[in-house]
């Protein structure tokens, strides 16, 4: 199970680096990375029989991260008209 979560982590990093032109695809790959980290943390805590309360805190912060990313996405779409990264001019 740990090997699967490591494979998911590396494939999430690869998809994040490939899909850097669209903000929505970047957010989806970040959520995939968080999901793989959650799986590996779950395996680690279960293997050493620690308390699993930290997983609830981790899930809370990952949900907050996802909500903040989607709110930034909605704000950028309303102001610039799309999520394509070439539309955003930093020098304006």
PDB file of N, CA and C in Angstrom:
ATOM      1  N   UNK A   1       0.818  -1.190   0.000  1.00  0.00           N
ATOM      2  CA  UNK A   1       0.000   0.000   0.000  1.00  0.00           C
ATOM      3  C   UNK A   1       0.864   1.257   0.000  1.00  0.00           C
ATOM      4  N   UNK A   2       1.994   1.186   0.680  1.00  0.00           N
ATOM      5  CA  UNK A   2       2.900   2.323   0.714  1.00  0.00           C
ATOM      6  C   UNK A   2       3.527   2.577  -0.655  1.00  0.00           C
ATOM      7  N   UNK A   3       3.764   1.514  -1.412  1.00  0.00           N
ATOM      8  CA  UNK A   3       4.320   1.659  -2.755  1.00  0.00           C
ATOM      9  C   UNK A   3       3.318   2.333  -3.678  1.00  0.00           C
ATOM     10  N   UNK A   4       2.041   2.007  -3.511  1.00  0.00           N
ATOM     11  CA  UNK A   4       0.997   2.626  -4.333  1.00  0.00           C
ATOM     12  C   UNK A   4       0.890   4.109  -4.026  1.00  0.00           C
ATOM     13  N   UNK A   5       0.965   4.479  -2.745  1.00  0.00           N
ATOM     14  CA  UNK A   5       0.869   5.898  -2.396  1.00  0.00           C
ATOM     15  C   UNK A   5       2.101   6.668  -2.876  1.00  0.00           C
ATOM     16  N   UNK A   6       3.279   6.052  -2.866  1.00  0.00           N
ATOM     17  CA  UNK A   6       4.475   6.714  -3.415  1.00  0.00           C
ATOM     18  C   UNK A   6       4.358   6.894  -4.921  1.00  0.00           C
ATOM     19  N   UNK A   7       3.816   5.885  -5.599  1.00  0.00           N
ATOM     20  CA  UNK A   7       3.589   6.014  -7.038  1.00  0.00           C
ATOM     21  C   UNK A   7       2.572   7.117  -7.330  1.00  0.00           C
ATOM     22  N   UNK A   8       1.531   7.195  -6.505  1.00  0.00           N
ATOM     23  CA  UNK A   8       0.539   8.266  -6.672  1.00  0.00           C
ATOM     24  C   UNK A   8       1.166   9.637  -6.441  1.00  0.00           C
ATOM     25  N   UNK A   9       2.056   9.740  -5.469  1.00  0.00           N
ATOM     26  CA  UNK A   9       2.718  11.010  -5.182  1.00  0.00           C
ATOM     27  C   UNK A   9       3.569  11.469  -6.360  1.00  0.00           C
ATOM     28  N   UNK A  10       4.370  10.567  -6.903  1.00  0.00           N
ATOM     29  CA  UNK A  10       5.228  10.940  -8.033  1.00  0.00           C
ATOM     30  C   UNK A  10       4.416  11.225  -9.293  1.00  0.00           C
ATOM     31  N   UNK A  11       3.335  10.487  -9.511  1.00  0.00           N
ATOM     32  CA  UNK A  11       2.498  10.792 -10.675  1.00  0.00           C
ATOM     33  C   UNK A  11       1.762  12.115 -10.479  1.00  0.00           C
ATOM     34  N   UNK A  12       1.441  12.474  -9.244  1.00  0.00           N
ATOM     35  CA  UNK A  12       0.849  13.788  -8.979  1.00  0.00           C
ATOM     36  C   UNK A  12       1.830  14.910  -9.255  1.00  0.00           C
ATOM     37  N   UNK A  13       3.100  14.712  -8.868  1.00  0.00           N
ATOM     38  CA  UNK A  13       4.113  15.717  -9.171  1.00  0.00           C
ATOM     39  C   UNK A  13       4.335  15.859 -10.679  1.00  0.00           C
ATOM     40  N   UNK A  14       4.319  14.749 -11.380  1.00  0.00           N
ATOM     41  CA  UNK A  14       4.501  14.799 -12.831  1.00  0.00           C
ATOM     42  C   UNK A  14       3.321  15.505 -13.492  1.00  0.00           C
ATOM     43  N   UNK A  15       2.097  15.188 -13.077  1.00  0.00           N
ATOM     44  CA  UNK A  15       0.933  15.850 -13.674  1.00  0.00           C
ATOM     45  C   UNK A  15       0.891  17.324 -13.300  1.00  0.00           C
ATOM     46  N   UNK A  16       1.390  17.683 -12.115  1.00  0.00           N
ATOM     47  CA  UNK A  16       1.446  19.100 -11.732  1.00  0.00           C
ATOM     48  C   UNK A  16       2.428  19.862 -12.609  1.00  0.00           C
ATOM     49  N   UNK A  17       3.551  19.234 -12.918  1.00  0.00           N
ATOM     50  CA  UNK A  17       4.539  19.925 -13.742  1.00  0.00           C
ATOM     51  C   UNK A  17       4.145  19.953 -15.217  1.00  0.00           C
ATOM     52  N   UNK A  18       3.396  18.973 -15.686  1.00  0.00           N
ATOM     53  CA  UNK A  18       2.973  18.965 -17.082  1.00  0.00           C
ATOM     54  C   UNK A  18       1.815  19.931 -17.316  1.00  0.00           C
ATOM     55  N   UNK A  19       0.847  19.960 -16.415  1.00  0.00           N
ATOM     56  CA  UNK A  19      -0.367  20.764 -16.588  1.00  0.00           C
ATOM     57  C   UNK A  19      -0.248  22.121 -15.913  1.00  0.00           C
ATOM     58  N   UNK A  20       0.816  22.840 -16.179  1.00  0.00           N
ATOM     59  CA  UNK A  20       1.012  24.118 -15.526  1.00  0.00           C
ATOM     60  C   UNK A  20       0.364  25.286 -16.266  1.00  0.00           C
ATOM     61  N   UNK A  21      -0.348  25.006 -17.351  1.00  0.00           N
ATOM     62  CA  UNK A  21      -0.970  26.095 -18.100  1.00  0.00           C
ATOM     63  C   UNK A  21      -2.377  26.408 -17.636  1.00  0.00           C
ATOM     64  N   UNK A  22      -3.070  25.448 -17.074  1.00  0.00           N
ATOM     65  CA  UNK A  22      -4.426  25.668 -16.594  1.00  0.00           C
ATOM     66  C   UNK A  22      -4.455  25.565 -15.078  1.00  0.00           C
ATOM     67  N   UNK A  23      -5.070  26.550 -14.448  1.00  0.00           N
ATOM     68  CA  UNK A  23      -5.101  26.588 -12.996  1.00  0.00           C
ATOM     69  C   UNK A  23      -5.960  25.478 -12.412  1.00  0.00           C
ATOM     70  N   UNK A  24      -7.052  25.119 -13.061  1.00  0.00           N
ATOM     71  CA  UNK A  24      -7.916  24.059 -12.547  1.00  0.00           C
ATOM     72  C   UNK A  24      -7.205  22.706 -12.557  1.00  0.00           C
ATOM     73  N   UNK A  25      -6.456  22.420 -13.607  1.00  0.00           N
ATOM     74  CA  UNK A  25      -5.701  21.161 -13.648  1.00  0.00           C
ATOM     75  C   UNK A  25      -4.586  21.145 -12.611  1.00  0.00           C
ATOM     76  N   UNK A  26      -4.001  22.304 -12.330  1.00  0.00           N
ATOM     77  CA  UNK A  26      -2.993  22.378 -11.278  1.00  0.00           C
ATOM     78  C   UNK A  26      -3.615  22.110  -9.913  1.00  0.00           C
ATOM     79  N   UNK A  27      -4.806  22.651  -9.676  1.00  0.00           N
ATOM     80  CA  UNK A  27      -5.483  22.416  -8.404  1.00  0.00           C
ATOM     81  C   UNK A  27      -5.889  20.955  -8.246  1.00  0.00           C
ATOM     82  N   UNK A  28      -6.328  20.338  -9.332  1.00  0.00           N
ATOM     83  CA  UNK A  28      -6.683  18.920  -9.268  1.00  0.00           C
ATOM     84  C   UNK A  28      -5.470  18.035  -8.978  1.00  0.00           C
ATOM     85  N   UNK A  29      -4.343  18.362  -9.571  1.00  0.00           N
ATOM     86  CA  UNK A  29      -3.153  17.560  -9.299  1.00  0.00           C
ATOM     87  C   UNK A  29      -2.646  17.803  -7.877  1.00  0.00           C
ATOM     88  N   UNK A  30      -2.816  19.010  -7.345  1.00  0.00           N
ATOM     89  CA  UNK A  30      -2.462  19.249  -5.945  1.00  0.00           C
ATOM     90  C   UNK A  30      -3.354  18.451  -5.002  1.00  0.00           C
ATOM     91  N   UNK A  31      -4.631  18.344  -5.319  1.00  0.00           N
ATOM     92  CA  UNK A  31      -5.526  17.531  -4.495  1.00  0.00           C
ATOM     93  C   UNK A  31      -5.163  16.046  -4.591  1.00  0.00           C
ATOM     94  N   UNK A  32      -4.694  15.617  -5.745  1.00  0.00           N
ATOM     95  CA  UNK A  32      -4.236  14.239  -5.905  1.00  0.00           C
ATOM     96  C   UNK A  32      -3.000  13.984  -5.053  1.00  0.00           C
ATOM     97  N   UNK A  33      -2.104  14.963  -4.978  1.00  0.00           N
ATOM     98  CA  UNK A  33      -0.919  14.838  -4.134  1.00  0.00           C
ATOM     99  C   UNK A  33      -1.322  14.763  -2.667  1.00  0.00           C
ATOM    100  N   UNK A  34      -2.298  15.585  -2.263  1.00  0.00           N
ATOM    101  CA  UNK A  34      -2.764  15.552  -0.879  1.00  0.00           C
ATOM    102  C   UNK A  34      -3.415  14.208  -0.561  1.00  0.00           C
ATOM    103  N   UNK A  35      -4.151  13.649  -1.511  1.00  0.00           N
ATOM    104  CA  UNK A  35      -4.764  12.343  -1.305  1.00  0.00           C
ATOM    105  C   UNK A  35      -3.710  11.250  -1.138  1.00  0.00           C
ATOM    106  N   UNK A  36      -2.647  11.311  -1.927  1.00  0.00           N
ATOM    107  CA  UNK A  36      -1.588  10.311  -1.776  1.00  0.00           C
ATOM    108  C   UNK A  36      -0.840  10.482  -0.458  1.00  0.00           C
ATOM    109  N   UNK A  37      -0.652  11.724  -0.019  1.00  0.00           N
ATOM    110  CA  UNK A  37      -0.039  11.945   1.287  1.00  0.00           C
ATOM    111  C   UNK A  37      -0.930  11.427   2.410  1.00  0.00           C
ATOM    112  N   UNK A  38      -2.235  11.580   2.256  1.00  0.00           N
ATOM    113  CA  UNK A  38      -3.164  11.061   3.253  1.00  0.00           C
ATOM    114  C   UNK A  38      -3.086   9.538   3.324  1.00  0.00           C
ATOM    115  N   UNK A  39      -3.004   8.892   2.164  1.00  0.00           N
ATOM    116  CA  UNK A  39      -2.892   7.429   2.155  1.00  0.00           C
ATOM    117  C   UNK A  39      -1.602   6.953   2.817  1.00  0.00           C
ATOM    118  N   UNK A  40      -0.496   7.601   2.499  1.00  0.00           N
ATOM    119  CA  UNK A  40       0.773   7.175   3.091  1.00  0.00           C
ATOM    120  C   UNK A  40       0.813   7.464   4.586  1.00  0.00           C
ATOM    121  N   UNK A  41       0.226   8.568   5.009  1.00  0.00           N
ATOM    122  CA  UNK A  41       0.165   8.878   6.431  1.00  0.00           C
ATOM    123  C   UNK A  41      -0.731   7.898   7.171  1.00  0.00           C
ATOM    124  N   UNK A  42      -1.821   7.496   6.540  1.00  0.00           N
ATOM    125  CA  UNK A  42      -2.713   6.512   7.132  1.00  0.00           C
ATOM    126  C   UNK A  42      -2.001   5.168   7.304  1.00  0.00           C
ATOM    127  N   UNK A  43      -1.263   4.747   6.303  1.00  0.00           N
ATOM    128  CA  UNK A  43      -0.518   3.490   6.387  1.00  0.00           C
ATOM    129  C   UNK A  43       0.554   3.572   7.472  1.00  0.00           C
ATOM    130  N   UNK A  44       1.246   4.691   7.523  1.00  0.00           N
ATOM    131  CA  UNK A  44       2.315   4.857   8.519  1.00  0.00           C
ATOM    132  C   UNK A  44       1.754   4.833   9.934  1.00  0.00           C
ATOM    133  N   UNK A  45       0.671   5.575  10.186  1.00  0.00           N
ATOM    134  CA  UNK A  45       0.103   5.619  11.533  1.00  0.00           C
ATOM    135  C   UNK A  45      -0.524   4.287  11.917  1.00  0.00           C
ATOM    136  N   UNK A  46      -1.113   3.599  10.966  1.00  0.00           N
ATOM    137  CA  UNK A  46      -1.711   2.300  11.270  1.00  0.00           C
ATOM    138  C   UNK A  46      -0.645   1.234  11.513  1.00  0.00           C
ATOM    139  N   UNK A  47       0.481   1.329  10.793  1.00  0.00           N
ATOM    140  CA  UNK A  47       1.538   0.333  10.922  1.00  0.00           C
ATOM    141  C   UNK A  47       2.189   0.404  12.303  1.00  0.00           C
ATOM    142  N   UNK A  48       2.393   1.603  12.808  1.00  0.00           N
ATOM    143  CA  UNK A  48       3.026   1.760  14.115  1.00  0.00           C
ATOM    144  C   UNK A  48       2.008   1.940  15.239  1.00  0.00           C
ATOM    145  N   UNK A  49       0.743   1.726  14.940  1.00  0.00           N
ATOM    146  CA  UNK A  49      -0.392   1.781  15.876  1.00  0.00           C
ATOM    147  C   UNK A  49      -0.399   3.048  16.728  1.00  0.00           C
ATOM    148  N   UNK A  50      -0.248   4.195  16.034  1.00  0.00           N
ATOM    149  CA  UNK A  50      -0.404   5.480  16.683  1.00  0.00           C
ATOM    150  C   UNK A  50      -1.873   5.880  16.649  1.00  0.00           C
ATOM    151  N   UNK A  51      -2.189   6.977  17.318  1.00  0.00           N
ATOM    152  CA  UNK A  51      -3.551   7.503  17.277  1.00  0.00           C
ATOM    153  C   UNK A  51      -3.817   8.137  15.915  1.00  0.00           C
ATOM    154  N   UNK A  52      -5.029   8.035  15.465  1.00  0.00           N
ATOM    155  CA  UNK A  52      -5.383   8.522  14.133  1.00  0.00           C
ATOM    156  C   UNK A  52      -6.056   9.892  14.164  1.00  0.00           C
ATOM    157  N   UNK A  53      -5.914  10.617  15.270  1.00  0.00           N
ATOM    158  CA  UNK A  53      -6.523  11.945  15.356  1.00  0.00           C
ATOM    159  C   UNK A  53      -5.847  12.941  14.420  1.00  0.00           C
ATOM    160  N   UNK A  54      -4.575  12.729  14.170  1.00  0.00           N
ATOM    161  CA  UNK A  54      -3.857  13.627  13.272  1.00  0.00           C
ATOM    162  C   UNK A  54      -4.432  13.576  11.862  1.00  0.00           C
ATOM    163  N   UNK A  55      -4.995  12.445  11.462  1.00  0.00           N
ATOM    164  CA  UNK A  55      -5.594  12.343  10.133  1.00  0.00           C
ATOM    165  C   UNK A  55      -6.800  13.267   9.983  1.00  0.00           C
ATOM    166  N   UNK A  56      -7.566  13.440  11.054  1.00  0.00           N
ATOM    167  CA  UNK A  56      -8.705  14.357  11.001  1.00  0.00           C
ATOM    168  C   UNK A  56      -8.239  15.804  10.846  1.00  0.00           C
ATOM    169  N   UNK A  57      -7.167  16.154  11.527  1.00  0.00           N
ATOM    170  CA  UNK A  57      -6.605  17.506  11.385  1.00  0.00           C
ATOM    171  C   UNK A  57      -6.057  17.696   9.974  1.00  0.00           C
ATOM    172  N   UNK A  58      -5.396  16.673   9.454  1.00  0.00           N
ATOM    173  CA  UNK A  58      -4.863  16.737   8.094  1.00  0.00           C
ATOM    174  C   UNK A  58      -5.980  16.891   7.071  1.00  0.00           C
ATOM    175  N   UNK A  59      -7.066  16.145   7.244  1.00  0.00           N
ATOM    176  CA  UNK A  59      -8.203  16.271   6.333  1.00  0.00           C
ATOM    177  C   UNK A  59      -8.850  17.644   6.416  1.00  0.00           C
ATOM    178  N   UNK A  60      -8.922  18.203   7.612  1.00  0.00           N
ATOM    179  CA  UNK A  60      -9.489  19.542   7.778  1.00  0.00           C
ATOM    180  C   UNK A  60      -8.669  20.577   7.032  1.00  0.00           C
ATOM    181  N   UNK A  61      -7.353  20.518   7.171  1.00  0.00           N
ATOM    182  CA  UNK A  61      -6.503  21.474   6.469  1.00  0.00           C
ATOM    183  C   UNK A  61      -6.507  21.254   4.962  1.00  0.00           C
ATOM    184  N   UNK A  62      -6.624  20.019   4.518  1.00  0.00           N
ATOM    185  CA  UNK A  62      -6.662  19.777   3.075  1.00  0.00           C
ATOM    186  C   UNK A  62      -7.971  20.267   2.470  1.00  0.00           C
ATOM    187  N   UNK A  63      -9.074  20.167   3.209  1.00  0.00           N
ATOM    188  CA  UNK A  63     -10.347  20.701   2.717  1.00  0.00           C
ATOM    189  C   UNK A  63     -10.282  22.226   2.659  1.00  0.00           C
ATOM    190  N   UNK A  64      -9.679  22.843   3.664  1.00  0.00           N
ATOM    191  CA  UNK A  64      -9.519  24.305   3.646  1.00  0.00           C
ATOM    192  C   UNK A  64      -8.643  24.746   2.481  1.00  0.00           C
ATOM    193  N   UNK A  65      -7.610  23.972   2.190  1.00  0.00           N
ATOM    194  CA  UNK A  65      -6.737  24.285   1.054  1.00  0.00           C
ATOM    195  C   UNK A  65      -7.491  24.182  -0.265  1.00  0.00           C
ATOM    196  N   UNK A  66      -8.326  23.169  -0.377  1.00  0.00           N
ATOM    197  CA  UNK A  66      -9.117  23.016  -1.596  1.00  0.00           C
ATOM    198  C   UNK A  66     -10.127  24.125  -1.779  1.00  0.00           C
ATOM    199  N   UNK A  67     -10.765  24.546  -0.705  1.00  0.00           N
ATOM    200  CA  UNK A  67     -11.749  25.633  -0.784  1.00  0.00           C
ATOM    201  C   UNK A  67     -11.074  26.943  -1.142  1.00  0.00           C
ATOM    202  N   UNK A  68      -9.909  27.212  -0.570  1.00  0.00           N
ATOM    203  CA  UNK A  68      -9.182  28.433  -0.918  1.00  0.00           C
ATOM    204  C   UNK A  68      -8.738  28.427  -2.380  1.00  0.00           C
ATOM    205  N   UNK A  69      -8.300  27.284  -2.867  1.00  0.00           N
ATOM    206  CA  UNK A  69      -7.909  27.193  -4.276  1.00  0.00           C
ATOM    207  C   UNK A  69      -9.078  27.424  -5.213  1.00  0.00           C
ATOM    208  N   UNK A  70     -10.229  26.853  -4.879  1.00  0.00           N
ATOM    209  CA  UNK A  70     -11.402  27.067  -5.734  1.00  0.00           C
ATOM    210  C   UNK A  70     -11.892  28.504  -5.672  1.00  0.00           C
ATOM    211  N   UNK A  71     -11.806  29.148  -4.522  1.00  0.00           N
ATOM    212  CA  UNK A  71     -12.223  30.549  -4.445  1.00  0.00           C
ATOM    213  C   UNK A  71     -11.290  31.449  -5.245  1.00  0.00           C
ATOM    214  N   UNK A  72      -9.992  31.148  -5.231  1.00  0.00           N
ATOM    215  CA  UNK A  72      -9.051  31.903  -6.063  1.00  0.00           C
ATOM    216  C   UNK A  72      -9.338  31.658  -7.532  1.00  0.00           C
ATOM    217  N   UNK A  73      -9.681  30.425  -7.887  1.00  0.00           N
ATOM    218  CA  UNK A  73     -10.019  30.104  -9.273  1.00  0.00           C
ATOM    219  C   UNK A  73     -11.247  30.865  -9.731  1.00  0.00           C
ATOM    220  N   UNK A  74     -12.284  30.912  -8.905  1.00  0.00           N
ATOM    221  CA  UNK A  74     -13.506  31.645  -9.269  1.00  0.00           C
ATOM    222  C   UNK A  74     -13.214  33.131  -9.389  1.00  0.00           C
ATOM    223  N   UNK A  75     -12.411  33.672  -8.494  1.00  0.00           N
ATOM    224  CA  UNK A  75     -12.055  35.087  -8.555  1.00  0.00           C
ATOM    225  C   UNK A  75     -11.270  35.413  -9.826  1.00  0.00           C
ATOM    226  N   UNK A  76     -10.327  34.555 -10.198  1.00  0.00           N
ATOM    227  CA  UNK A  76      -9.545  34.802 -11.413  1.00  0.00           C
ATOM    228  C   UNK A  76     -10.393  34.658 -12.670  1.00  0.00           C
ATOM    229  N   UNK A  77     -11.336  33.727 -12.672  1.00  0.00           N
ATOM    230  CA  UNK A  77     -12.196  33.571 -13.836  1.00  0.00           C
ATOM    231  C   UNK A  77     -13.111  34.778 -13.987  1.00  0.00           C
ATOM    232  N   UNK A  78     -13.590  35.318 -12.873  1.00  0.00           N
ATOM    233  CA  UNK A  78     -14.450  36.498 -12.950  1.00  0.00           C
ATOM    234  C   UNK A  78     -13.693  37.738 -13.413  1.00  0.00           C
ATOM    235  N   UNK A  79     -12.442  37.882 -13.010  1.00  0.00           N
ATOM    236  CA  UNK A  79     -11.698  39.080 -13.382  1.00  0.00           C
ATOM    237  C   UNK A  79     -11.017  38.955 -14.740  1.00  0.00           C
ATOM    238  N   UNK A  80     -10.497  37.784 -15.083  1.00  0.00           N
ATOM    239  CA  UNK A  80      -9.718  37.641 -16.307  1.00  0.00           C
ATOM    240  C   UNK A  80     -10.419  36.842 -17.401  1.00  0.00           C
ATOM    241  N   UNK A  81     -11.489  36.150 -17.090  1.00  0.00           N
ATOM    242  CA  UNK A  81     -12.249  35.450 -18.107  1.00  0.00           C
ATOM    243  C   UNK A  81     -11.836  34.018 -18.382  1.00  0.00           C
ATOM    244  N   UNK A  82     -10.920  33.460 -17.648  1.00  0.00           N
ATOM    245  CA  UNK A  82     -10.520  32.081 -17.869  1.00  0.00           C
ATOM    246  C   UNK A  82      -9.441  31.659 -16.898  1.00  0.00           C
ATOM    247  N   UNK A  83      -9.096  30.366 -16.959  1.00  0.00           N
ATOM    248  CA  UNK A  83      -8.054  29.872 -16.067  1.00  0.00           C
ATOM    249  C   UNK A  83      -6.753  29.583 -16.799  1.00  0.00           C
ATOM    250  N   UNK A  84      -6.645  30.051 -18.024  1.00  0.00           N
ATOM    251  CA  UNK A  84      -5.422  29.843 -18.800  1.00  0.00           C
ATOM    252  C   UNK A  84      -4.350  30.791 -18.283  1.00  0.00           C
ATOM    253  N   UNK A  85      -3.181  30.265 -17.927  1.00  0.00           N
ATOM    254  CA  UNK A  85      -2.174  31.052 -17.226  1.00  0.00           C
ATOM    255  C   UNK A  85      -1.557  32.160 -18.079  1.00  0.00           C
ATOM    256  N   UNK A  86      -1.649  32.062 -19.393  1.00  0.00           N
ATOM    257  CA  UNK A  86      -1.090  33.122 -20.232  1.00  0.00           C
ATOM    258  C   UNK A  86      -1.964  34.375 -20.232  1.00  0.00           C
ATOM    259  N   UNK A  87      -3.199  34.273 -19.733  1.00  0.00           N
ATOM    260  CA  UNK A  87      -4.069  35.444 -19.651  1.00  0.00           C
ATOM    261  C   UNK A  87      -3.677  36.385 -18.523  1.00  0.00           C
ATOM    262  N   UNK A  88      -2.976  35.869 -17.528  1.00  0.00           N
ATOM    263  CA  UNK A  88      -2.642  36.663 -16.350  1.00  0.00           C
ATOM    264  C   UNK A  88      -1.333  37.391 -16.599  1.00  0.00           C
ATOM    265  N   UNK A  89      -1.396  38.690 -16.694  1.00  0.00           N
ATOM    266  CA  UNK A  89      -0.203  39.482 -16.894  1.00  0.00           C
ATOM    267  C   UNK A  89       0.218  40.051 -15.544  1.00  0.00           C
ATOM    268  N   UNK A  90       1.366  39.674 -15.071  1.00  0.00           N
ATOM    269  CA  UNK A  90       1.838  40.100 -13.760  1.00  0.00           C
ATOM    270  C   UNK A  90       2.274  41.565 -13.783  1.00  0.00           C
ATOM    271  N   UNK A  91       2.681  42.072 -14.916  1.00  0.00           N
ATOM    272  CA  UNK A  91       3.238  43.420 -14.988  1.00  0.00           C
ATOM    273  C   UNK A  91       2.164  44.509 -15.089  1.00  0.00           C
ATOM    274  N   UNK A  92       0.892  44.171 -15.105  1.00  0.00           N
ATOM    275  CA  UNK A  92      -0.136  45.202 -15.218  1.00  0.00           C
ATOM    276  C   UNK A  92      -0.211  46.010 -13.995  1.00  0.00           C
TER     277      UNK A  92
END
